[in-house]
Protein backbone atom coordinates (compact mmCIF):
# COMPACT_ATOMS: atom_id res chain seq x y z
CA UNK A 1 16.06 -10.09 -14.40
CA UNK A 2 14.60 -8.66 -11.21
CA UNK A 3 11.65 -10.29 -9.53
CA UNK A 4 9.15 -9.19 -6.92
CA UNK A 5 6.74 -11.31 -4.96
CA UNK A 6 4.14 -11.08 -2.23
CA UNK A 7 4.35 -13.34 0.79
CA UNK A 8 1.22 -14.70 2.43
CA UNK A 9 0.81 -14.93 6.18
CA UNK A 10 2.52 -18.02 7.57
CA UNK A 11 0.10 -20.84 8.09
CA UNK A 12 -0.09 -24.61 8.24
CA UNK A 13 -2.52 -26.52 6.06
CA UNK A 14 -3.47 -30.14 6.73
CA UNK A 15 -4.96 -32.50 4.12
CA UNK A 16 -4.47 -29.89 1.41
CA UNK A 17 -5.05 -30.92 -2.20
CA UNK A 18 -1.89 -30.55 -4.29
CA UNK A 19 -0.41 -32.11 -7.40
CA UNK A 20 2.72 -34.03 -8.21
CA UNK A 21 5.15 -31.55 -9.75
CA UNK A 22 6.07 -34.05 -12.45
CA UNK A 23 2.88 -35.76 -13.58
CA UNK A 24 0.28 -33.39 -12.06
CA UNK A 25 -1.62 -36.27 -10.45
CA UNK A 26 -3.58 -35.32 -7.38
CA UNK A 27 -2.09 -36.08 -3.95
CA UNK A 28 -2.74 -34.85 -0.42
CA UNK A 29 0.30 -33.41 1.29
CA UNK A 30 1.28 -31.66 4.47
CA UNK A 31 2.80 -28.25 3.78
CA UNK A 32 4.01 -25.36 5.91
CA UNK A 33 4.16 -21.93 4.27
CA UNK A 34 5.80 -18.74 5.42
CA UNK A 35 9.43 -19.18 4.34
CA UNK A 36 11.07 -18.89 0.95
CA UNK A 37 13.11 -22.11 0.83
CA UNK A 38 12.33 -24.76 -1.74
CA UNK A 39 11.96 -27.44 0.92
CA UNK A 40 8.98 -25.60 2.37
CA UNK A 41 7.66 -24.32 -0.93
CA UNK A 42 7.64 -27.51 -2.98
CA UNK A 43 5.29 -30.10 -1.47
CA UNK A 44 7.13 -33.19 -0.30
CA UNK A 45 5.90 -36.69 -0.97
CA UNK A 46 4.57 -37.15 2.54
CA UNK A 47 1.16 -38.69 2.08
CA UNK A 48 -1.33 -38.78 4.93
CA UNK A 49 -4.54 -40.62 5.65
CA UNK A 50 -6.98 -40.83 2.77
CA UNK A 51 -4.34 -39.74 0.26
CA UNK A 52 -4.44 -40.58 -3.40
CA UNK A 53 -1.04 -42.16 -4.06
CA UNK A 54 1.02 -40.85 -6.95
CA UNK A 55 3.33 -43.10 -8.90
CA UNK A 56 5.95 -40.31 -9.06
CA UNK A 57 6.06 -39.51 -5.34
CA UNK A 58 9.80 -40.27 -5.29
CA UNK A 59 10.62 -37.56 -7.86
CA UNK A 60 9.97 -34.68 -5.47
CA UNK A 61 12.88 -35.53 -3.16
CA UNK A 62 15.06 -36.18 -6.19
CA UNK A 63 14.28 -32.77 -7.68
CA UNK A 64 15.12 -31.05 -4.40
CA UNK A 65 18.41 -32.93 -4.12
CA UNK A 66 19.46 -32.08 -7.66
CA UNK A 67 18.61 -28.42 -7.22
CA UNK A 68 20.48 -28.30 -3.93
CA UNK A 69 23.54 -29.79 -5.65
CA UNK A 70 23.46 -26.81 -8.02
CA UNK A 71 23.31 -24.43 -5.08
CA UNK A 72 19.63 -23.62 -5.62
CA UNK A 73 17.76 -23.72 -2.33
CA UNK A 74 15.55 -20.64 -2.63
CA UNK A 75 12.52 -19.89 -4.78
CA UNK A 76 14.22 -16.94 -6.48
CA UNK A 77 17.08 -19.18 -7.56
CA UNK A 78 14.68 -21.64 -9.16
CA UNK A 79 12.77 -18.91 -11.01
CA UNK A 80 15.77 -16.95 -12.27
CA UNK A 81 18.21 -19.75 -13.11
CA UNK A 82 19.01 -20.45 -16.77
CA UNK A 83 16.63 -23.08 -18.15
CA UNK A 84 19.23 -24.85 -20.27
CA UNK A 85 21.57 -25.29 -17.27
CA UNK A 86 18.74 -26.65 -15.11
CA UNK A 87 17.73 -29.18 -17.75
CA UNK A 88 21.36 -30.29 -18.26
CA UNK A 89 22.12 -30.70 -14.54
CA UNK A 90 18.87 -32.33 -13.40
CA UNK A 91 16.62 -35.17 -14.46
CA UNK A 92 13.97 -32.66 -15.54
CA UNK A 93 13.10 -32.19 -19.18
CA UNK A 94 11.97 -28.71 -20.36
CA UNK A 95 8.31 -29.61 -19.87
CA UNK A 96 8.97 -30.92 -16.35
CA UNK A 97 10.92 -27.76 -15.46
CA UNK A 98 8.01 -25.60 -16.60
CA UNK A 99 5.70 -27.62 -14.35
CA UNK A 100 8.01 -27.17 -11.37
CA UNK A 101 8.19 -23.42 -11.89
CA UNK A 102 4.44 -23.18 -12.43
CA UNK A 103 3.83 -25.13 -9.21
CA UNK A 104 6.18 -22.78 -7.37
CA UNK A 105 4.25 -19.77 -8.61
CA UNK A 106 0.89 -21.27 -7.69
CA UNK A 107 2.02 -22.31 -4.24
CA UNK A 108 4.02 -19.28 -3.19
CA UNK A 109 2.05 -16.38 -4.60
CA UNK A 110 2.19 -13.76 -7.33
CA UNK A 111 5.58 -13.19 -8.95
CA UNK A 112 5.91 -10.31 -11.38
CA UNK A 113 8.82 -9.27 -13.58
CA UNK A 114 10.03 -5.82 -12.54
CA UNK A 115 9.78 -4.56 -16.13
CA UNK A 116 6.14 -5.68 -16.40
CA UNK A 117 5.36 -4.20 -12.98
CA UNK A 118 6.82 -0.84 -14.03
CA UNK A 119 4.82 -0.87 -17.26
CA UNK A 120 1.63 -1.67 -15.33
CA UNK A 121 2.26 1.19 -12.91
CA UNK A 122 2.83 3.58 -15.80
CA UNK A 123 -0.45 2.56 -17.44
CA UNK A 124 -2.71 2.75 -14.39
CA UNK A 125 -1.17 5.42 -12.16
CA UNK A 126 -1.97 9.09 -12.64
CA UNK A 127 -1.03 12.36 -10.95
CA UNK A 128 -3.72 14.34 -9.14
CA UNK A 129 -3.44 18.09 -8.67
CA UNK A 130 -3.30 19.12 -5.02
CA UNK A 131 -5.09 22.41 -5.62
CA UNK A 132 -2.01 24.29 -4.36
CA UNK A 133 0.34 25.27 -7.18
CA UNK A 134 3.50 25.38 -5.04
CA UNK A 135 2.78 21.89 -3.67
CA UNK A 136 2.31 20.58 -7.21
CA UNK A 137 5.80 21.84 -8.03
CA UNK A 138 7.25 20.30 -4.87
CA UNK A 139 5.61 16.91 -5.57
CA UNK A 140 6.45 16.88 -9.30
CA UNK A 141 2.84 17.32 -10.34
CA UNK A 142 0.76 16.38 -7.29
CA UNK A 143 -0.46 13.30 -5.45
CA UNK A 144 0.45 10.07 -7.23
CA UNK A 145 -2.02 7.21 -7.40
CA UNK A 146 -0.64 4.07 -5.83
CA UNK A 147 1.20 6.10 -3.17
CA UNK A 148 0.41 7.14 0.38
CA UNK A 149 1.36 10.66 1.52
CA UNK A 150 1.37 11.81 5.13
CA UNK A 151 1.16 15.45 6.26
CA UNK A 152 2.45 16.12 9.76
CA UNK A 153 2.76 19.26 11.81
CA UNK A 154 1.53 21.17 14.83
CA UNK A 155 -2.09 22.06 15.39
CA UNK A 156 -3.39 24.84 13.12
CA UNK A 157 -0.43 24.48 10.75
CA UNK A 158 -2.63 23.92 7.68
CA UNK A 159 -2.83 20.13 7.30
CA UNK A 160 -6.62 20.00 7.15
CA UNK A 161 -6.72 22.96 4.77
CA UNK A 162 -4.50 21.05 2.32
CA UNK A 163 -6.70 17.96 2.63
CA UNK A 164 -9.93 19.88 1.99
CA UNK A 165 -8.42 21.82 -0.91
CA UNK A 166 -7.20 18.57 -2.49
CA UNK A 167 -10.59 16.89 -2.10
CA UNK A 168 -12.35 19.77 -3.84
CA UNK A 169 -9.69 19.87 -6.58
CA UNK A 170 -9.97 16.16 -7.39
CA UNK A 171 -13.78 16.15 -7.24
CA UNK A 172 -14.16 19.28 -9.38
CA UNK A 173 -11.17 19.23 -11.76
CA UNK A 174 -10.53 15.49 -12.16
CA UNK A 175 -14.25 14.64 -11.91
CA UNK A 176 -13.32 11.62 -9.83
CA UNK A 177 -14.77 10.29 -6.61
CA UNK A 178 -13.07 11.02 -3.30
CA UNK A 179 -13.36 8.99 -0.08
CA UNK A 180 -13.08 11.03 3.11
CA UNK A 181 -12.74 9.36 6.53
CA UNK A 182 -13.53 12.03 9.09
CA UNK A 183 -12.23 11.71 12.66
CA UNK A 184 -12.95 15.30 13.77
CA UNK A 185 -16.74 15.47 13.64
CA UNK A 186 -18.83 18.07 11.75
CA UNK A 187 -16.27 20.91 11.83
CA UNK A 188 -14.33 19.63 8.82
CA UNK A 189 -17.50 19.08 6.79
CA UNK A 190 -18.64 22.64 7.56
CA UNK A 191 -15.28 23.94 6.33
CA UNK A 192 -15.61 21.80 3.18
CA UNK A 193 -18.99 23.35 2.32
CA UNK A 194 -17.67 26.84 3.10
CA UNK A 195 -14.64 26.48 0.82
CA UNK A 196 -16.70 25.02 -2.05
CA UNK A 197 -19.02 28.02 -1.89
CA UNK A 198 -16.11 30.49 -1.88
CA UNK A 199 -14.53 28.79 -4.89
CA UNK A 200 -17.81 29.09 -6.79
CA UNK A 201 -18.07 25.34 -7.35
CA UNK A 202 -21.34 23.52 -7.95
CA UNK A 203 -21.77 22.05 -4.50
CA UNK A 204 -24.40 19.51 -5.56
CA UNK A 205 -22.09 18.05 -8.21
CA UNK A 206 -18.92 18.25 -6.12
CA UNK A 207 -20.38 16.69 -2.99
CA UNK A 208 -22.00 13.89 -4.98
CA UNK A 209 -18.41 12.81 -5.71
CA UNK A 210 -17.23 12.90 -2.07
CA UNK A 211 -18.15 9.83 0.00
CA UNK A 212 -17.80 10.54 3.71
CA UNK A 213 -17.18 7.98 6.45
CA UNK A 214 -16.73 8.51 10.18
CA UNK A 215 -14.27 6.70 12.47
CA UNK A 216 -13.43 7.58 16.08
CA UNK A 217 -11.26 4.57 16.99
CA UNK A 218 -9.01 2.11 15.24
CA UNK A 219 -11.62 -0.65 15.06
CA UNK A 220 -14.13 1.66 13.39
CA UNK A 221 -11.33 2.58 10.98
CA UNK A 222 -10.80 -1.07 10.03
CA UNK A 223 -14.54 -1.47 9.52
CA UNK A 224 -14.71 1.58 7.27
CA UNK A 225 -11.65 0.54 5.25
CA UNK A 226 -13.24 -2.86 4.64
CA UNK A 227 -16.47 -1.20 3.51
CA UNK A 228 -14.47 1.07 1.21
CA UNK A 229 -12.60 -1.88 -0.30
CA UNK A 230 -15.87 -3.71 -0.97
CA UNK A 231 -17.35 -0.62 -2.60
CA UNK A 232 -14.28 -0.04 -4.77
CA UNK A 233 -14.39 -3.65 -5.95
CA UNK A 234 -17.83 -3.04 -7.49
CA UNK A 235 -16.89 0.23 -9.23
CA UNK A 236 -15.31 0.59 -12.69
CA UNK A 237 -11.53 1.13 -12.44
CA UNK A 238 -10.56 4.77 -11.99
CA UNK A 239 -13.90 5.88 -10.54
CA UNK A 240 -12.34 6.72 -7.15
CA UNK A 241 -8.92 8.37 -7.13
CA UNK A 242 -8.28 9.82 -3.68
CA UNK A 243 -8.73 8.64 -0.08
CA UNK A 244 -8.26 11.19 2.71
CA UNK A 245 -8.07 10.41 6.44
CA UNK A 246 -7.98 13.47 8.68
CA UNK A 247 -6.68 12.89 11.24
CA UNK A 248 -5.23 9.40 11.32
CA UNK A 249 -3.10 10.17 14.36
CA UNK A 250 -6.18 11.13 16.37
CA UNK A 251 -7.37 7.52 16.41
CA UNK A 252 -3.97 5.80 16.43
CA UNK A 253 -2.16 7.78 19.14
CA UNK A 254 -4.25 6.25 21.99
CA UNK A 255 -2.98 2.75 21.14
CA UNK A 256 0.71 3.68 20.78
CA UNK A 257 2.61 2.03 23.61
CA UNK A 258 -0.04 -0.57 24.35
CA UNK A 259 1.89 -3.58 25.63
CA UNK A 260 -0.16 -6.28 23.96
CA UNK A 261 -1.49 -5.01 20.65
CA UNK A 262 -0.52 -1.38 19.93
CA UNK A 263 2.37 -2.11 17.56
CA UNK A 264 0.43 -4.86 15.76
CA UNK A 265 -2.53 -2.55 15.13
CA UNK A 266 -0.26 0.20 13.78
CA UNK A 267 1.37 -2.20 11.34
CA UNK A 268 -1.99 -3.58 10.27
CA UNK A 269 -3.27 -0.08 9.49
CA UNK A 270 -0.11 0.62 7.49
CA UNK A 271 -0.41 -2.62 5.47
CA UNK A 272 -4.11 -2.03 4.84
CA UNK A 273 -3.56 1.48 3.48
CA UNK A 274 -0.68 0.39 1.25
CA UNK A 275 -2.69 -2.52 -0.14
CA UNK A 276 -5.66 -0.25 -0.81
CA UNK A 277 -3.47 2.23 -2.69
CA UNK A 278 -1.79 -0.49 -4.75
CA UNK A 279 -4.83 -2.64 -5.53
CA UNK A 280 -7.06 0.21 -6.73
CA UNK A 281 -4.45 2.78 -7.93
CA UNK A 282 -5.49 5.28 -5.26
CA UNK A 283 -3.68 8.27 -3.86
CA UNK A 284 -3.98 8.16 -0.07
CA UNK A 285 -3.57 11.31 2.02
CA UNK A 286 -3.43 11.20 5.83
CA UNK A 287 -2.49 13.65 8.58
CA UNK A 288 -0.34 13.14 11.66
CA UNK A 289 0.73 15.16 14.68
CA UNK A 290 4.17 16.62 15.29
CA UNK A 291 5.95 15.85 18.57
CA UNK A 292 8.62 18.54 18.53
CA UNK A 293 7.83 22.22 17.82
CA UNK A 294 11.51 23.13 17.29
CA UNK A 295 12.55 20.30 14.97
CA UNK A 296 9.24 18.81 13.78
CA UNK A 297 9.08 15.02 13.91
CA UNK A 298 6.03 12.88 13.09
CA UNK A 299 4.21 11.19 15.94
CA UNK A 300 3.34 7.48 16.28
CA UNK A 301 6.94 6.34 16.75
CA UNK A 302 9.77 4.91 14.70
CA UNK A 303 7.80 1.82 13.63
CA UNK A 304 5.35 4.08 11.80
CA UNK A 305 8.04 5.92 9.86
CA UNK A 306 8.34 3.25 7.16
CA UNK A 307 4.63 3.36 6.30
CA UNK A 308 3.96 6.39 4.06
CA UNK A 309 5.69 6.63 0.69
CA UNK A 310 5.87 10.43 0.95
CA UNK A 311 5.94 12.56 4.09
CA UNK A 312 5.53 16.35 4.20
CA UNK A 313 6.19 18.56 7.23
CA UNK A 314 3.73 21.47 7.37
CA UNK A 315 4.84 24.34 9.61
CA UNK A 316 4.99 28.08 10.14
CA UNK A 317 8.01 29.83 8.55
CA UNK A 318 10.72 30.93 10.95
CA UNK A 319 10.51 34.57 9.87
CA UNK A 320 6.83 34.80 9.04
CA UNK A 321 5.82 38.10 7.50
CA UNK A 322 2.15 37.09 7.46
CA UNK A 323 -0.04 34.96 9.73
CA UNK A 324 -1.39 33.12 6.69
CA UNK A 325 1.98 31.97 5.35
CA UNK A 326 3.01 28.32 5.75
CA UNK A 327 5.90 26.06 4.69
CA UNK A 328 5.67 22.53 3.28
CA UNK A 329 8.94 20.59 3.55
CA UNK A 330 9.87 17.18 2.15
CA UNK A 331 10.65 14.78 5.00
CA UNK A 332 10.50 11.57 2.96
CA UNK A 333 10.28 10.98 -0.79
CA UNK A 334 11.67 8.76 -3.51
CA UNK A 335 11.60 11.61 -6.06
CA UNK A 336 12.80 14.70 -4.19
CA UNK A 337 15.62 15.38 -1.72
CA UNK A 338 14.63 15.86 1.91
CA UNK A 339 14.40 19.38 3.34
CA UNK A 340 13.30 20.76 -0.03
CA UNK A 341 10.48 23.18 0.79
CA UNK A 342 7.97 25.63 -0.68
CA UNK A 343 5.68 28.24 0.81
CA UNK A 344 1.91 28.51 0.48
CA UNK A 345 -0.85 30.53 2.11
CA UNK A 346 -3.97 29.69 4.11
CA UNK A 347 -6.84 31.88 2.93
CA UNK A 348 -10.57 31.86 3.58
CA UNK A 349 -11.01 29.82 0.39
CA UNK A 350 -8.44 27.23 1.49
CA UNK A 351 -4.77 26.57 0.84
CA UNK A 352 -3.36 28.48 -2.12
């Protein structure tokens, strides 16, 4: 059985209320979180001032010793070991073992069976059409909720056109709300209105489904993402399906290379976007610069490369027969091989 878990930020908690793993009586213990070993996970019987003493305080050390004798020193070993073998080799009865495992789950965080996690993803995640038929083929249907896709390329390569086309497609065809974080000013919004008019869409209805935010630096971005999370928490599930940030690199590139906090801020943005996509089953679409015109490579450095789930390189074809023709190439994906590419066109009505 495969297991997955989420780790909280390491911290130290003094005078924290906990319970004896055996009898569930209240005690106060000192605990230090942040590692996955049983010695740090399971609260030891170290009582401090004002503690309520537990008559079974000795059993905690005994449990740890017996588990260590079986070669179980990590949380995953405790959770995945055979119950009958644990009961036979330790002083725990089946009820006591269930209490130990339950305490481990409460203390360490959420643990989900991989089979249940896959079933949950299949129930809640959907595929959103990009509005560009060739991109839908390349992405096996379109943008996937719960995933973050990054478009990167040179200026005027068509990244914003794909973003705007996708926003209009989701708002009009899927009848879902879209969140747009604009870092370019009014030019993108003007293009959005222009394309909606050319497509013959009801602009009042479509734009009522597009919530626009503005961010011109990384701290404004954090503020807007927090506001978005709070708004999503009050909406019925599935109301909002797509979040677009164009361009994310415009507000992150100034902090790349900062000696004190640049890397930390990049990683925090990455974690925040991934959590937003996972918690609310959102498809997240962002744009990035390209640092090499010959062999396109995304900007923001190697540390950023692990962030997006899917990465597409958007560029001009090498033997372009038309100024409107573009190429979208897979640079990172769990479903498609890299370097797989399709062509699309940039027209007055958007990407097609």
